[in-house]
């Protein structure tokens, strides 16, 4: 009978811990605190496991910071010779 109570206690503790982790995850998502952490964790993983993927990640981040040239108002931008 003691083994049954021990098994129930272990299962109950595991359920309690999982419920606590779920509550923490919900709270973190509401606050928006997970986006940068997940991006950093995935970048670290990619750097360790896939070196070319990390280089691609860095290149994509640098491309996000670049701006596209915009034509001045009232002037049309030409791509090539007019035909």
N, C-alpha and C. Protein backbone atom coordinates (compact mmCIF):
# COMPACT_ATOMS: atom_id res chain seq x y z
N UNK A 1 0.81 -1.19 0.00
CA UNK A 1 0.00 0.00 0.00
C UNK A 1 0.86 1.27 0.00
N UNK A 2 2.04 1.17 0.63
CA UNK A 2 2.95 2.32 0.68
C UNK A 2 3.48 2.66 -0.71
N UNK A 3 3.66 1.62 -1.54
CA UNK A 3 4.16 1.88 -2.89
C UNK A 3 3.15 2.68 -3.71
N UNK A 4 1.87 2.42 -3.50
CA UNK A 4 0.82 3.14 -4.23
C UNK A 4 0.83 4.60 -3.84
N UNK A 5 0.94 4.88 -2.53
CA UNK A 5 0.97 6.27 -2.07
C UNK A 5 2.23 6.98 -2.58
N UNK A 6 3.35 6.28 -2.63
CA UNK A 6 4.59 6.88 -3.14
C UNK A 6 4.45 7.21 -4.63
N UNK A 7 3.85 6.31 -5.39
CA UNK A 7 3.65 6.56 -6.81
C UNK A 7 2.71 7.73 -7.05
N UNK A 8 1.64 7.80 -6.25
CA UNK A 8 0.69 8.92 -6.36
C UNK A 8 1.37 10.23 -5.99
N UNK A 9 2.23 10.21 -4.98
CA UNK A 9 2.95 11.42 -4.58
C UNK A 9 3.90 11.89 -5.67
N UNK A 10 4.60 10.96 -6.28
CA UNK A 10 5.54 11.31 -7.36
C UNK A 10 4.78 11.89 -8.55
N UNK A 11 3.71 11.24 -8.95
CA UNK A 11 2.92 11.73 -10.07
C UNK A 11 2.32 13.10 -9.74
N UNK A 12 1.84 13.28 -8.52
CA UNK A 12 1.29 14.57 -8.11
C UNK A 12 2.33 15.67 -8.14
N UNK A 13 3.53 15.37 -7.68
CA UNK A 13 4.61 16.37 -7.73
C UNK A 13 4.97 16.73 -9.17
N UNK A 14 5.05 15.75 -10.03
CA UNK A 14 5.35 16.02 -11.44
C UNK A 14 4.26 16.88 -12.08
N UNK A 15 3.02 16.58 -11.79
CA UNK A 15 1.93 17.40 -12.33
C UNK A 15 2.00 18.82 -11.81
N UNK A 16 2.34 18.97 -10.54
CA UNK A 16 2.47 20.31 -9.96
C UNK A 16 3.58 21.11 -10.61
N UNK A 17 4.71 20.47 -10.84
CA UNK A 17 5.84 21.16 -11.48
C UNK A 17 5.47 21.53 -12.91
N UNK A 18 4.84 20.64 -13.65
CA UNK A 18 4.45 20.95 -15.03
C UNK A 18 3.43 22.08 -15.09
N UNK A 19 2.49 22.09 -14.14
CA UNK A 19 1.51 23.18 -14.09
C UNK A 19 2.20 24.50 -13.79
N UNK A 20 3.18 24.50 -12.90
CA UNK A 20 3.91 25.73 -12.59
C UNK A 20 4.68 26.23 -13.82
N UNK A 21 5.35 25.31 -14.54
CA UNK A 21 6.05 25.71 -15.76
C UNK A 21 5.09 26.25 -16.81
N UNK A 22 3.92 25.66 -16.92
CA UNK A 22 2.91 26.16 -17.87
C UNK A 22 2.45 27.56 -17.51
N UNK A 23 2.24 27.81 -16.22
CA UNK A 23 1.82 29.15 -15.78
C UNK A 23 2.91 30.18 -16.05
N UNK A 24 4.15 29.79 -15.82
CA UNK A 24 5.26 30.71 -16.10
C UNK A 24 5.34 31.01 -17.59
N UNK A 25 5.15 30.01 -18.43
CA UNK A 25 5.20 30.20 -19.89
C UNK A 25 4.09 31.13 -20.36
N UNK A 26 2.89 30.96 -19.83
CA UNK A 26 1.77 31.82 -20.21
C UNK A 26 2.05 33.26 -19.81
N UNK A 27 2.57 33.45 -18.62
CA UNK A 27 2.86 34.81 -18.15
C UNK A 27 3.96 35.45 -18.99
N UNK A 28 4.99 34.69 -19.34
CA UNK A 28 6.08 35.23 -20.14
C UNK A 28 5.59 35.61 -21.54
N UNK A 29 4.70 34.81 -22.12
CA UNK A 29 4.16 35.14 -23.45
C UNK A 29 3.31 36.40 -23.41
N UNK A 30 2.54 36.58 -22.35
CA UNK A 30 1.71 37.79 -22.24
C UNK A 30 2.57 39.04 -22.13
N UNK A 31 3.67 38.93 -21.41
CA UNK A 31 4.54 40.08 -21.22
C UNK A 31 5.42 40.34 -22.44
N UNK A 32 5.51 39.38 -23.33
CA UNK A 32 6.33 39.55 -24.53
C UNK A 32 7.81 39.42 -24.24
N UNK A 33 8.17 38.70 -23.19
CA UNK A 33 9.56 38.59 -22.79
C UNK A 33 10.27 37.43 -23.45
N UNK A 34 9.63 36.72 -24.34
CA UNK A 34 10.25 35.51 -24.88
C UNK A 34 10.85 35.68 -26.27
N UNK A 35 10.48 36.71 -26.99
CA UNK A 35 10.93 36.82 -28.38
C UNK A 35 12.44 36.93 -28.49
N UNK A 36 13.05 37.84 -27.75
CA UNK A 36 14.50 38.00 -27.85
C UNK A 36 15.23 36.82 -27.25
N UNK A 37 14.67 36.22 -26.21
CA UNK A 37 15.32 35.08 -25.58
C UNK A 37 15.32 33.87 -26.52
N UNK A 38 14.22 33.64 -27.19
CA UNK A 38 14.14 32.51 -28.12
C UNK A 38 15.07 32.74 -29.31
N UNK A 39 15.11 33.96 -29.81
CA UNK A 39 16.00 34.27 -30.94
C UNK A 39 17.46 34.07 -30.54
N UNK A 40 17.82 34.50 -29.34
CA UNK A 40 19.20 34.33 -28.89
C UNK A 40 19.53 32.86 -28.67
N UNK A 41 18.60 32.11 -28.11
CA UNK A 41 18.85 30.69 -27.88
C UNK A 41 19.01 29.95 -29.21
N UNK A 42 18.17 30.26 -30.18
CA UNK A 42 18.28 29.59 -31.48
C UNK A 42 19.57 30.00 -32.20
N UNK A 43 19.99 31.26 -32.05
CA UNK A 43 21.24 31.69 -32.67
C UNK A 43 22.42 30.96 -32.04
N UNK A 44 22.39 30.78 -30.72
CA UNK A 44 23.48 30.05 -30.04
C UNK A 44 23.50 28.60 -30.49
N UNK A 45 22.35 27.99 -30.60
CA UNK A 45 22.28 26.60 -31.07
C UNK A 45 22.80 26.49 -32.50
N UNK A 46 22.36 27.41 -33.35
CA UNK A 46 22.81 27.37 -34.74
C UNK A 46 24.32 27.58 -34.85
N UNK A 47 24.85 28.45 -34.00
CA UNK A 47 26.30 28.68 -34.03
C UNK A 47 27.06 27.42 -33.65
N UNK A 48 26.55 26.71 -32.67
CA UNK A 48 27.24 25.50 -32.21
C UNK A 48 27.07 24.33 -33.17
N UNK A 49 25.89 24.14 -33.69
CA UNK A 49 25.60 22.95 -34.48
C UNK A 49 25.71 23.15 -35.99
N UNK A 50 25.39 24.32 -36.45
CA UNK A 50 25.38 24.59 -37.89
C UNK A 50 26.09 25.92 -38.14
N UNK A 51 27.36 25.88 -38.38
CA UNK A 51 28.12 27.12 -38.51
C UNK A 51 27.66 27.95 -39.69
N UNK A 52 27.26 27.32 -40.78
CA UNK A 52 26.81 28.11 -41.93
C UNK A 52 25.45 28.73 -41.65
N UNK A 53 24.61 28.08 -40.84
CA UNK A 53 23.31 28.66 -40.50
C UNK A 53 23.49 29.91 -39.66
N UNK A 54 24.48 29.92 -38.78
CA UNK A 54 24.73 31.11 -37.95
C UNK A 54 25.18 32.27 -38.82
N UNK A 55 26.04 32.00 -39.80
CA UNK A 55 26.47 33.06 -40.72
C UNK A 55 25.28 33.63 -41.47
N UNK A 56 24.36 32.77 -41.88
CA UNK A 56 23.15 33.22 -42.56
C UNK A 56 22.29 34.07 -41.63
N UNK A 57 22.18 33.67 -40.37
CA UNK A 57 21.40 34.44 -39.39
C UNK A 57 21.98 35.84 -39.22
N UNK A 58 23.30 35.96 -39.12
CA UNK A 58 23.94 37.26 -38.98
C UNK A 58 23.70 38.10 -40.23
N UNK A 59 23.80 37.51 -41.40
CA UNK A 59 23.57 38.24 -42.64
C UNK A 59 22.12 38.73 -42.73
N UNK A 60 21.16 37.90 -42.31
CA UNK A 60 19.76 38.32 -42.35
C UNK A 60 19.52 39.48 -41.39
N UNK A 61 20.14 39.46 -40.22
CA UNK A 61 19.98 40.57 -39.27
C UNK A 61 20.59 41.85 -39.82
N UNK A 62 21.71 41.75 -40.52
CA UNK A 62 22.32 42.95 -41.08
C UNK A 62 21.49 43.48 -42.25
N UNK A 63 20.85 42.59 -43.01
CA UNK A 63 19.98 43.04 -44.10
C UNK A 63 18.75 43.75 -43.57
N UNK A 64 18.26 43.34 -42.41
CA UNK A 64 17.10 44.02 -41.83
C UNK A 64 17.41 45.47 -41.49
N UNK A 65 18.65 45.76 -41.17
CA UNK A 65 19.02 47.12 -40.81
C UNK A 65 19.26 48.03 -42.01
N UNK A 66 19.43 47.46 -43.17
CA UNK A 66 19.68 48.27 -44.36
C UNK A 66 18.39 48.88 -44.89
N UNK A 67 18.53 50.02 -45.52
CA UNK A 67 17.36 50.67 -46.10
C UNK A 67 17.42 50.56 -47.62
N UNK A 68 16.26 50.56 -48.23
CA UNK A 68 16.18 50.52 -49.69
C UNK A 68 16.17 51.94 -50.23
N UNK A 69 16.82 52.18 -51.36
CA UNK A 69 16.78 53.52 -51.93
C UNK A 69 15.37 53.87 -52.40
N UNK A 70 14.97 55.07 -52.11
CA UNK A 70 13.63 55.54 -52.47
C UNK A 70 13.79 56.72 -53.41
N UNK A 71 13.01 56.74 -54.49
CA UNK A 71 13.07 57.84 -55.45
C UNK A 71 12.51 59.11 -54.82
N UNK A 72 13.06 60.24 -55.25
CA UNK A 72 12.58 61.53 -54.76
C UNK A 72 11.15 61.76 -55.24
N UNK A 73 10.35 62.48 -54.49
CA UNK A 73 8.97 62.74 -54.92
C UNK A 73 8.94 63.48 -56.25
N UNK A 74 8.09 63.05 -57.15
CA UNK A 74 7.92 63.70 -58.44
C UNK A 74 8.85 63.17 -59.51
N UNK A 75 9.77 62.32 -59.17
CA UNK A 75 10.69 61.75 -60.16
C UNK A 75 10.45 60.26 -60.23
N UNK A 76 10.49 59.75 -61.46
CA UNK A 76 10.34 58.32 -61.65
C UNK A 76 11.71 57.67 -61.67
N UNK A 77 11.78 56.51 -61.10
CA UNK A 77 13.04 55.77 -61.07
C UNK A 77 13.05 54.81 -62.25
N UNK A 78 14.11 54.87 -63.04
CA UNK A 78 14.22 54.00 -64.20
C UNK A 78 15.15 52.84 -63.88
N UNK A 79 14.75 51.67 -64.29
CA UNK A 79 15.52 50.46 -64.07
C UNK A 79 16.54 50.23 -65.18
N UNK A 80 16.27 50.68 -66.36
CA UNK A 80 17.14 50.45 -67.49
C UNK A 80 16.79 51.39 -68.62
N UNK A 81 17.37 51.17 -69.79
CA UNK A 81 17.04 52.05 -70.92
C UNK A 81 15.59 51.89 -71.36
N UNK A 82 14.98 53.02 -71.70
CA UNK A 82 13.58 53.00 -72.16
C UNK A 82 13.53 52.48 -73.58
N UNK A 83 12.56 51.65 -73.87
CA UNK A 83 12.44 51.09 -75.23
C UNK A 83 11.13 51.48 -75.83
